[in-house]
């Protein structure tokens, strides 16, 4: 990710309203001096109408990463972006700060983009190596259902070396199959801004409303007309 894109998205996130728990009813602009919640989530429609995000959605290198992992022509599922803050002093279920695994689609891949420097202090992405492989999750953990699990519950079944963290500078990009056990660490100080792009092999599964594009670059409009399968979850409002 270029420094210009990092700066542009950071500026956007610092000025655009986002939604906060518990109700997610009203947009609030994040204020680092006085955070009002542990997480600020941007709306999918606002994100898909951002020109920088549209450019990333079209990026052939990113698409090829998804294509290679999914072993098919991918569909762009959705973008997500959020601020994580030090508002709470214990891990937040709402902010996905306890281990869990996703069940979004039949098969999917998430690309994460750090838009701030991320250290051990401000919420590195954590995952358990190899836990995305079907049949490897302990039956005792699966018996708990689709729930959040404290670290101690997983340490009974996985070796210390299986617990991994992603600490990196702003602009770092990494891919994750979030069928694995994963979480965002609790923020001890500072904040973390992350952009996520999700790709899928099929839209079967979680019900997601179509993304509505109200403004777009000409190149994005042309791209979408050409790549109909890839953008089948995107609708132009014209």
Protein backbone atom coordinates (compact mmCIF):
# COMPACT_ATOMS: atom_id res chain seq x y z
CA UNK A 1 0.00 0.00 0.00
CA UNK A 2 1.44 3.37 -0.98
CA UNK A 3 2.07 6.11 1.60
CA UNK A 4 -0.44 8.28 -0.28
CA UNK A 5 -3.19 5.67 0.06
CA UNK A 6 -2.41 5.13 3.74
CA UNK A 7 -2.60 8.87 4.41
CA UNK A 8 -5.79 9.27 2.37
CA UNK A 9 -7.61 6.43 4.13
CA UNK A 10 -6.37 7.56 7.55
CA UNK A 11 -7.67 11.07 6.84
CA UNK A 12 -10.97 9.64 5.65
CA UNK A 13 -11.34 7.54 8.82
CA UNK A 14 -10.50 10.55 10.98
CA UNK A 15 -13.29 12.65 9.48
CA UNK A 16 -16.01 10.21 8.41
CA UNK A 17 -18.63 9.10 10.91
CA UNK A 18 -18.65 5.50 12.10
CA UNK A 19 -21.03 3.45 14.22
CA UNK A 20 -20.36 2.42 17.82
CA UNK A 21 -21.84 -0.13 20.23
CA UNK A 22 -24.13 -0.97 21.80
CA UNK A 23 -26.79 0.30 19.36
CA UNK A 24 -24.83 1.21 16.20
CA UNK A 25 -27.60 3.70 15.47
CA UNK A 26 -25.77 7.00 15.05
CA UNK A 27 -22.62 8.01 13.22
CA UNK A 28 -19.83 9.35 15.41
CA UNK A 29 -16.48 10.75 14.27
CA UNK A 30 -13.63 9.09 16.15
CA UNK A 31 -11.82 11.36 18.60
CA UNK A 32 -8.58 9.83 19.87
CA UNK A 33 -8.56 12.12 22.92
CA UNK A 34 -12.05 11.09 24.02
CA UNK A 35 -13.10 7.71 22.58
CA UNK A 36 -16.72 6.75 23.25
CA UNK A 37 -16.47 3.01 22.60
CA UNK A 38 -14.01 0.18 22.10
CA UNK A 39 -14.73 -0.03 18.37
CA UNK A 40 -15.90 2.32 15.62
CA UNK A 41 -17.23 0.47 12.56
CA UNK A 42 -17.61 2.18 9.19
CA UNK A 43 -20.64 1.40 7.06
CA UNK A 44 -20.15 -0.83 4.05
CA UNK A 45 -21.92 1.65 1.73
CA UNK A 46 -19.67 4.51 2.79
CA UNK A 47 -16.60 2.36 2.20
CA UNK A 48 -17.52 1.13 -1.29
CA UNK A 49 -18.08 4.76 -2.31
CA UNK A 50 -14.51 5.69 -1.33
CA UNK A 51 -12.24 6.04 -4.38
CA UNK A 52 -9.18 4.59 -2.63
CA UNK A 53 -11.12 1.48 -1.67
CA UNK A 54 -12.53 1.19 -5.17
CA UNK A 55 -8.96 1.22 -6.49
CA UNK A 56 -7.99 -1.59 -4.09
CA UNK A 57 -11.05 -3.61 -5.11
CA UNK A 58 -9.78 -3.43 -8.71
CA UNK A 59 -6.16 -4.21 -7.86
CA UNK A 60 -5.10 -7.19 -10.01
CA UNK A 61 -2.44 -8.34 -7.55
CA UNK A 62 -4.96 -8.57 -4.71
CA UNK A 63 -7.49 -10.30 -6.92
CA UNK A 64 -4.86 -12.83 -7.97
CA UNK A 65 -4.01 -13.60 -4.33
CA UNK A 66 -7.68 -14.41 -3.74
CA UNK A 67 -7.90 -16.39 -6.99
CA UNK A 68 -4.92 -18.54 -6.08
CA UNK A 69 -6.14 -19.27 -2.56
CA UNK A 70 -9.77 -19.93 -3.48
CA UNK A 71 -8.78 -21.89 -6.60
CA UNK A 72 -11.50 -20.21 -8.63
CA UNK A 73 -12.50 -16.83 -9.99
CA UNK A 74 -13.24 -14.85 -6.81
CA UNK A 75 -16.19 -12.66 -5.94
CA UNK A 76 -15.55 -9.47 -4.02
CA UNK A 77 -17.72 -9.88 -0.93
CA UNK A 78 -17.36 -6.64 1.02
CA UNK A 79 -15.01 -4.08 2.57
CA UNK A 80 -14.81 -3.36 6.30
CA UNK A 81 -12.88 -0.79 8.29
CA UNK A 82 -12.77 0.02 11.97
CA UNK A 83 -10.98 1.85 14.73
CA UNK A 84 -10.08 -0.17 17.84
CA UNK A 85 -9.50 1.90 20.98
CA UNK A 86 -8.33 1.64 24.58
CA UNK A 87 -11.82 2.53 25.84
CA UNK A 88 -12.16 -0.68 27.89
CA UNK A 89 -9.73 -2.29 30.31
CA UNK A 90 -10.70 -5.87 29.50
CA UNK A 91 -11.16 -7.79 26.23
CA UNK A 92 -14.34 -6.91 24.37
CA UNK A 93 -16.63 -9.49 22.81
CA UNK A 94 -18.13 -6.72 20.65
CA UNK A 95 -14.70 -5.84 19.27
CA UNK A 96 -13.81 -9.52 18.65
CA UNK A 97 -10.99 -9.44 21.22
CA UNK A 98 -11.56 -13.06 22.27
CA UNK A 99 -10.67 -16.04 20.08
CA UNK A 100 -13.32 -17.22 17.65
CA UNK A 101 -13.65 -18.49 14.10
CA UNK A 102 -15.81 -17.23 11.26
CA UNK A 103 -18.36 -19.13 9.18
CA UNK A 104 -19.14 -16.49 6.56
CA UNK A 105 -19.20 -18.47 3.34
CA UNK A 106 -18.29 -21.86 1.89
CA UNK A 107 -14.75 -20.59 1.34
CA UNK A 108 -13.37 -17.09 1.70
CA UNK A 109 -10.23 -15.05 2.21
CA UNK A 110 -9.75 -11.79 4.05
CA UNK A 111 -6.99 -9.30 3.25
CA UNK A 112 -6.10 -7.01 6.14
CA UNK A 113 -4.41 -3.63 5.74
CA UNK A 114 -2.89 -1.92 8.76
CA UNK A 115 -3.44 1.84 8.47
CA UNK A 116 -1.60 2.55 11.73
CA UNK A 117 1.55 1.03 13.15
CA UNK A 118 0.58 -2.03 15.19
CA UNK A 119 2.68 -3.26 18.12
CA UNK A 120 1.96 -5.55 21.06
CA UNK A 121 0.38 -2.55 22.80
CA UNK A 122 -2.32 -1.56 20.33
CA UNK A 123 -4.10 -4.68 19.23
CA UNK A 124 -2.15 -6.94 16.90
CA UNK A 125 -4.12 -9.49 14.93
CA UNK A 126 -3.68 -12.88 16.60
CA UNK A 127 -4.33 -16.34 15.22
CA UNK A 128 -3.66 -19.98 15.97
CA UNK A 129 -1.50 -21.54 13.31
CA UNK A 130 -3.12 -24.35 11.35
CA UNK A 131 -6.51 -24.09 13.04
CA UNK A 132 -8.22 -23.20 9.74
CA UNK A 133 -7.65 -26.75 8.44
CA UNK A 134 -10.91 -28.74 8.46
CA UNK A 135 -10.98 -31.45 11.10
CA UNK A 136 -8.24 -29.98 13.27
CA UNK A 137 -10.31 -28.07 15.83
CA UNK A 138 -10.68 -30.02 19.08
CA UNK A 139 -14.18 -31.45 19.48
CA UNK A 140 -14.30 -30.05 23.00
CA UNK A 141 -14.00 -26.51 21.60
CA UNK A 142 -16.50 -27.15 18.81
CA UNK A 143 -18.96 -28.39 21.41
CA UNK A 144 -19.00 -24.86 22.85
CA UNK A 145 -20.73 -23.68 19.68
CA UNK A 146 -20.09 -20.45 17.80
CA UNK A 147 -18.77 -18.44 20.72
CA UNK A 148 -15.85 -16.36 22.00
CA UNK A 149 -13.17 -18.29 23.88
CA UNK A 150 -10.64 -16.85 26.36
CA UNK A 151 -6.95 -17.54 25.76
CA UNK A 152 -6.78 -20.04 28.63
CA UNK A 153 -9.43 -22.19 26.98
CA UNK A 154 -7.28 -22.58 23.87
CA UNK A 155 -4.00 -23.08 25.69
CA UNK A 156 -5.34 -26.45 26.83
CA UNK A 157 -5.24 -27.69 23.22
CA UNK A 158 -2.57 -25.72 21.35
CA UNK A 159 1.16 -25.34 21.88
CA UNK A 160 2.57 -21.89 22.77
CA UNK A 161 4.32 -21.76 19.38
CA UNK A 162 0.94 -22.05 17.62
CA UNK A 163 -0.18 -18.67 18.98
CA UNK A 164 0.89 -16.03 16.46
CA UNK A 165 0.70 -12.22 16.37
CA UNK A 166 0.92 -9.84 13.41
CA UNK A 167 2.84 -6.74 14.41
CA UNK A 168 3.74 -4.42 11.53
CA UNK A 169 4.01 -0.85 10.29
CA UNK A 170 1.18 1.06 8.66
CA UNK A 171 0.78 -0.15 5.09
CA UNK A 172 1.36 -3.81 5.89
CA UNK A 173 -0.96 -6.25 4.13
CA UNK A 174 -1.61 -9.83 5.19
CA UNK A 175 -4.09 -12.52 4.24
CA UNK A 176 -6.15 -14.62 6.61
CA UNK A 177 -8.48 -17.57 6.30
CA UNK A 178 -10.58 -16.71 9.32
CA UNK A 179 -11.92 -20.21 9.67
CA UNK A 180 -8.93 -20.33 12.03
CA UNK A 181 -9.18 -19.28 15.65
CA UNK A 182 -8.29 -15.58 15.66
CA UNK A 183 -8.88 -12.30 17.46
CA UNK A 184 -7.73 -8.72 17.68
CA UNK A 185 -5.77 -8.19 20.89
CA UNK A 186 -7.16 -5.77 23.46
CA UNK A 187 -5.81 -2.23 23.02
CA UNK A 188 -3.58 -1.32 25.94
CA UNK A 189 -2.79 2.17 24.66
CA UNK A 190 -3.23 4.15 21.48
CA UNK A 191 -5.51 2.93 18.73
CA UNK A 192 -5.56 0.71 15.66
CA UNK A 193 -7.10 1.39 12.26
CA UNK A 194 -7.64 -1.61 9.96
CA UNK A 195 -9.12 -2.01 6.49
CA UNK A 196 -10.34 -5.43 5.42
CA UNK A 197 -11.35 -6.73 2.00
CA UNK A 198 -13.16 -10.07 1.83
CA UNK A 199 -13.20 -12.34 -1.22
CA UNK A 200 -15.32 -15.44 -1.62
CA UNK A 201 -15.85 -18.39 -3.93
CA UNK A 202 -19.65 -18.07 -3.67
CA UNK A 203 -22.26 -15.77 -2.13
CA UNK A 204 -23.95 -18.76 -0.47
CA UNK A 205 -23.96 -18.34 3.30
CA UNK A 206 -24.20 -15.19 5.39
CA UNK A 207 -26.82 -12.76 4.09
CA UNK A 208 -25.13 -9.53 3.08
CA UNK A 209 -27.03 -6.66 1.44
CA UNK A 210 -25.68 -5.64 -1.94
CA UNK A 211 -23.22 -2.78 -1.79
CA UNK A 212 -24.75 0.32 -3.37
CA UNK A 213 -22.40 2.57 -5.34
CA UNK A 214 -23.58 6.15 -5.48
CA UNK A 215 -20.32 7.67 -6.69
CA UNK A 216 -17.41 6.05 -8.45
CA UNK A 217 -14.35 6.69 -10.52
CA UNK A 218 -14.85 6.16 -14.22
CA UNK A 219 -12.30 3.35 -14.11
CA UNK A 220 -14.25 1.56 -11.37
CA UNK A 221 -17.49 1.82 -13.33
CA UNK A 222 -15.81 0.43 -16.43
CA UNK A 223 -14.19 -2.35 -14.41
CA UNK A 224 -17.52 -3.37 -12.88
CA UNK A 225 -19.20 -3.55 -16.27
CA UNK A 226 -16.49 -5.91 -17.45
CA UNK A 227 -16.04 -8.10 -14.34
CA UNK A 228 -19.66 -9.00 -13.64
CA UNK A 229 -19.02 -12.14 -11.59
CA UNK A 230 -16.37 -10.50 -9.44
CA UNK A 231 -18.66 -7.55 -8.60
CA UNK A 232 -21.93 -9.50 -8.42
CA UNK A 233 -22.45 -8.20 -4.86
CA UNK A 234 -22.21 -4.56 -6.02
CA UNK A 235 -25.11 -2.49 -7.35
CA UNK A 236 -24.85 0.91 -9.05
CA UNK A 237 -27.51 3.38 -7.99
CA UNK A 238 -28.21 5.06 -11.32
